[in-house]
Amino acid sequence: MGRQNDLLQGTLDMMVLKAVSLGPLHGYGVLQRIQQISGDRLEIQQGSLYPALYRLEHEGWITGEWGQSENNRKAKYYRLSASGRRRLHAETEKWNHMSDAIGAILRATPEEI
């Protein structure tokens, strides 16, 4: 089986959008939330996350605001924008459609062909 960070292109962005949709988070908090929601089955590397956060902010799908973390450190907190909410909805629909199609392929039997 492939490494757990071999994700389909765009999947990381969708997961980040979902994590941020649940409430404002700083970068490390996004990593923790994805790991928590996945039941520790996914672990996103910082080297992948921060370029994704930059890309999503550049696209206008998330907004960032500087604040103070729980450790009294300066941290950028991200929130989902209105266009990010629309993007998350569209990507979720695409993901579900693709997942259904792949599931149908994997469930196929010789008798059905």
C-alpha atoms as a PDB file:
ATOM      1  CA  MET A   1       0.000   0.000   0.000  1.00  0.00           C
ATOM      2  CA  GLY A   2       1.236   3.538  -0.761  1.00  0.00           C
ATOM      3  CA  ARG A   3       2.452   6.003   1.807  1.00  0.00           C
ATOM      4  CA  GLN A   4      -0.299   7.858   3.622  1.00  0.00           C
ATOM      5  CA  ASN A   5       0.784  11.201   2.180  1.00  0.00           C
ATOM      6  CA  ASP A   6       0.224  10.009  -1.391  1.00  0.00           C
ATOM      7  CA  LEU A   7      -3.042  11.909  -1.703  1.00  0.00           C
ATOM      8  CA  LEU A   8      -4.970  12.654  -4.841  1.00  0.00           C
ATOM      9  CA  GLN A   9      -4.223  16.124  -6.121  1.00  0.00           C
ATOM     10  CA  GLY A  10      -6.537  18.647  -4.480  1.00  0.00           C
ATOM     11  CA  THR A  11      -7.417  16.369  -1.572  1.00  0.00           C
ATOM     12  CA  LEU A  12      -5.178  18.246   0.868  1.00  0.00           C
ATOM     13  CA  ASP A  13      -6.803  21.551  -0.080  1.00  0.00           C
ATOM     14  CA  MET A  14     -10.255  20.056   0.471  1.00  0.00           C
ATOM     15  CA  MET A  15      -9.242  18.682   3.888  1.00  0.00           C
ATOM     16  CA  VAL A  16      -7.748  22.022   4.936  1.00  0.00           C
ATOM     17  CA  LEU A  17     -10.905  23.847   3.845  1.00  0.00           C
ATOM     18  CA  LYS A  18     -12.998  21.386   5.852  1.00  0.00           C
ATOM     19  CA  ALA A  19     -10.800  21.701   8.946  1.00  0.00           C
ATOM     20  CA  VAL A  20     -10.958  25.499   8.833  1.00  0.00           C
ATOM     21  CA  SER A  21     -14.722  25.410   8.190  1.00  0.00           C
ATOM     22  CA  LEU A  22     -15.150  23.965  11.692  1.00  0.00           C
ATOM     23  CA  GLY A  23     -13.610  27.040  13.306  1.00  0.00           C
ATOM     24  CA  PRO A  24     -10.594  29.358  13.067  1.00  0.00           C
ATOM     25  CA  LEU A  25      -7.248  27.591  13.339  1.00  0.00           C
ATOM     26  CA  HIS A  26      -3.565  28.405  13.150  1.00  0.00           C
ATOM     27  CA  GLY A  27      -1.398  26.243  10.883  1.00  0.00           C
ATOM     28  CA  TYR A  28      -0.401  23.655  13.450  1.00  0.00           C
ATOM     29  CA  GLY A  29      -4.021  23.504  14.608  1.00  0.00           C
ATOM     30  CA  VAL A  30      -5.037  22.541  11.060  1.00  0.00           C
ATOM     31  CA  LEU A  31      -2.593  19.616  11.208  1.00  0.00           C
ATOM     32  CA  GLN A  32      -3.983  18.526  14.564  1.00  0.00           C
ATOM     33  CA  ARG A  33      -7.623  18.838  13.481  1.00  0.00           C
ATOM     34  CA  ILE A  34      -7.120  16.744  10.343  1.00  0.00           C
ATOM     35  CA  GLN A  35      -5.303  14.117  12.370  1.00  0.00           C
ATOM     36  CA  GLN A  36      -8.023  14.151  15.052  1.00  0.00           C
ATOM     37  CA  ILE A  37     -10.943  13.950  12.602  1.00  0.00           C
ATOM     38  CA  SER A  38      -9.274  11.109  10.701  1.00  0.00           C
ATOM     39  CA  GLY A  39      -8.864   9.123  13.905  1.00  0.00           C
ATOM     40  CA  ASP A  40      -5.074   9.439  13.605  1.00  0.00           C
ATOM     41  CA  ARG A  41      -5.146   7.727  10.200  1.00  0.00           C
ATOM     42  CA  LEU A  42      -3.854  10.807   8.377  1.00  0.00           C
ATOM     43  CA  GLU A  43      -0.862  12.871   9.327  1.00  0.00           C
ATOM     44  CA  ILE A  44      -0.164  15.891   7.167  1.00  0.00           C
ATOM     45  CA  GLN A  45       3.422  17.109   7.047  1.00  0.00           C
ATOM     46  CA  GLN A  46       4.155  20.786   7.695  1.00  0.00           C
ATOM     47  CA  GLY A  47       6.082  20.914   4.421  1.00  0.00           C
ATOM     48  CA  SER A  48       2.847  20.121   2.592  1.00  0.00           C
ATOM     49  CA  LEU A  49       0.477  22.130   4.769  1.00  0.00           C
ATOM     50  CA  TYR A  50       2.030  25.573   4.692  1.00  0.00           C
ATOM     51  CA  PRO A  51       2.217  25.820   0.886  1.00  0.00           C
ATOM     52  CA  ALA A  52      -1.439  24.697   0.813  1.00  0.00           C
ATOM     53  CA  LEU A  53      -2.418  27.400   3.326  1.00  0.00           C
ATOM     54  CA  TYR A  54      -0.574  30.004   1.259  1.00  0.00           C
ATOM     55  CA  ARG A  55      -2.264  28.783  -1.951  1.00  0.00           C
ATOM     56  CA  LEU A  56      -5.741  28.749  -0.381  1.00  0.00           C
ATOM     57  CA  GLU A  57      -5.248  32.229   1.044  1.00  0.00           C
ATOM     58  CA  HIS A  58      -3.956  33.486  -2.301  1.00  0.00           C
ATOM     59  CA  GLU A  59      -7.076  32.072  -4.008  1.00  0.00           C
ATOM     60  CA  GLY A  60      -9.252  33.874  -1.454  1.00  0.00           C
ATOM     61  CA  TRP A  61     -10.751  30.663  -0.071  1.00  0.00           C
ATOM     62  CA  ILE A  62      -9.394  31.306   3.416  1.00  0.00           C
ATOM     63  CA  THR A  63      -8.434  34.498   5.192  1.00  0.00           C
ATOM     64  CA  GLY A  64      -5.615  34.841   7.667  1.00  0.00           C
ATOM     65  CA  GLU A  65      -5.340  37.104  10.671  1.00  0.00           C
ATOM     66  CA  TRP A  66      -2.457  37.348  13.108  1.00  0.00           C
ATOM     67  CA  GLY A  67      -3.199  36.559  16.714  1.00  0.00           C
ATOM     68  CA  GLN A  68      -1.778  34.861  19.761  1.00  0.00           C
ATOM     69  CA  SER A  69      -1.696  31.081  20.171  1.00  0.00           C
ATOM     70  CA  GLU A  70      -2.419  29.127  23.329  1.00  0.00           C
ATOM     71  CA  ASN A  71       1.350  29.267  24.022  1.00  0.00           C
ATOM     72  CA  ASN A  72       1.372  33.091  23.774  1.00  0.00           C
ATOM     73  CA  ARG A  73       3.161  32.905  20.437  1.00  0.00           C
ATOM     74  CA  LYS A  74       2.342  34.940  17.370  1.00  0.00           C
ATOM     75  CA  ALA A  75       0.289  32.767  15.014  1.00  0.00           C
ATOM     76  CA  LYS A  76      -1.758  33.294  11.883  1.00  0.00           C
ATOM     77  CA  TYR A  77      -5.344  32.109  12.301  1.00  0.00           C
ATOM     78  CA  TYR A  78      -7.251  31.018   9.240  1.00  0.00           C
ATOM     79  CA  ARG A  79     -10.983  31.253   8.579  1.00  0.00           C
ATOM     80  CA  LEU A  80     -13.049  30.006   5.676  1.00  0.00           C
ATOM     81  CA  SER A  81     -14.264  32.792   3.374  1.00  0.00           C
ATOM     82  CA  ALA A  82     -17.600  32.788   1.544  1.00  0.00           C
ATOM     83  CA  SER A  83     -15.874  31.726  -1.673  1.00  0.00           C
ATOM     84  CA  GLY A  84     -14.029  29.053   0.327  1.00  0.00           C
ATOM     85  CA  ARG A  85     -17.357  27.725   1.580  1.00  0.00           C
ATOM     86  CA  ARG A  86     -18.594  27.461  -2.023  1.00  0.00           C
ATOM     87  CA  ARG A  87     -15.320  25.807  -3.059  1.00  0.00           C
ATOM     88  CA  LEU A  88     -15.539  23.287  -0.215  1.00  0.00           C
ATOM     89  CA  HIS A  89     -19.106  22.423  -1.198  1.00  0.00           C
ATOM     90  CA  ALA A  90     -18.129  21.931  -4.873  1.00  0.00           C
ATOM     91  CA  GLU A  91     -15.036  19.872  -4.000  1.00  0.00           C
ATOM     92  CA  THR A  92     -17.030  17.724  -1.570  1.00  0.00           C
ATOM     93  CA  GLU A  93     -19.597  16.967  -4.281  1.00  0.00           C
ATOM     94  CA  LYS A  94     -16.825  16.091  -6.760  1.00  0.00           C
ATOM     95  CA  TRP A  95     -15.120  13.889  -4.152  1.00  0.00           C
ATOM     96  CA  ASN A  96     -18.348  12.039  -3.329  1.00  0.00           C
ATOM     97  CA  HIS A  97     -19.109  11.499  -7.030  1.00  0.00           C
ATOM     98  CA  MET A  98     -15.597  10.176  -7.694  1.00  0.00           C
ATOM     99  CA  SER A  99     -15.675   8.009  -4.570  1.00  0.00           C
ATOM    100  CA  ASP A 100     -18.994   6.484  -5.666  1.00  0.00           C
ATOM    101  CA  ALA A 101     -17.585   5.753  -9.143  1.00  0.00           C
ATOM    102  CA  ILE A 102     -14.423   4.141  -7.765  1.00  0.00           C
ATOM    103  CA  GLY A 103     -16.494   2.145  -5.276  1.00  0.00           C
ATOM    104  CA  ALA A 104     -18.674   0.824  -8.130  1.00  0.00           C
ATOM    105  CA  ILE A 105     -15.578  -0.271 -10.007  1.00  0.00           C
ATOM    106  CA  LEU A 106     -14.136  -2.044  -6.973  1.00  0.00           C
ATOM    107  CA  ARG A 107     -17.436  -3.805  -6.241  1.00  0.00           C
ATOM    108  CA  ALA A 108     -17.827  -5.101  -9.811  1.00  0.00           C
ATOM    109  CA  THR A 109     -18.025  -8.851 -10.272  1.00  0.00           C
ATOM    110  CA  PRO A 110     -17.436 -10.960 -13.418  1.00  0.00           C
ATOM    111  CA  GLU A 111     -21.160 -11.683 -13.588  1.00  0.00           C
ATOM    112  CA  GLU A 112     -21.943  -7.984 -14.022  1.00  0.00           C
ATOM    113  CA  ILE A 113     -19.707  -7.553 -17.036  1.00  0.00           C
END
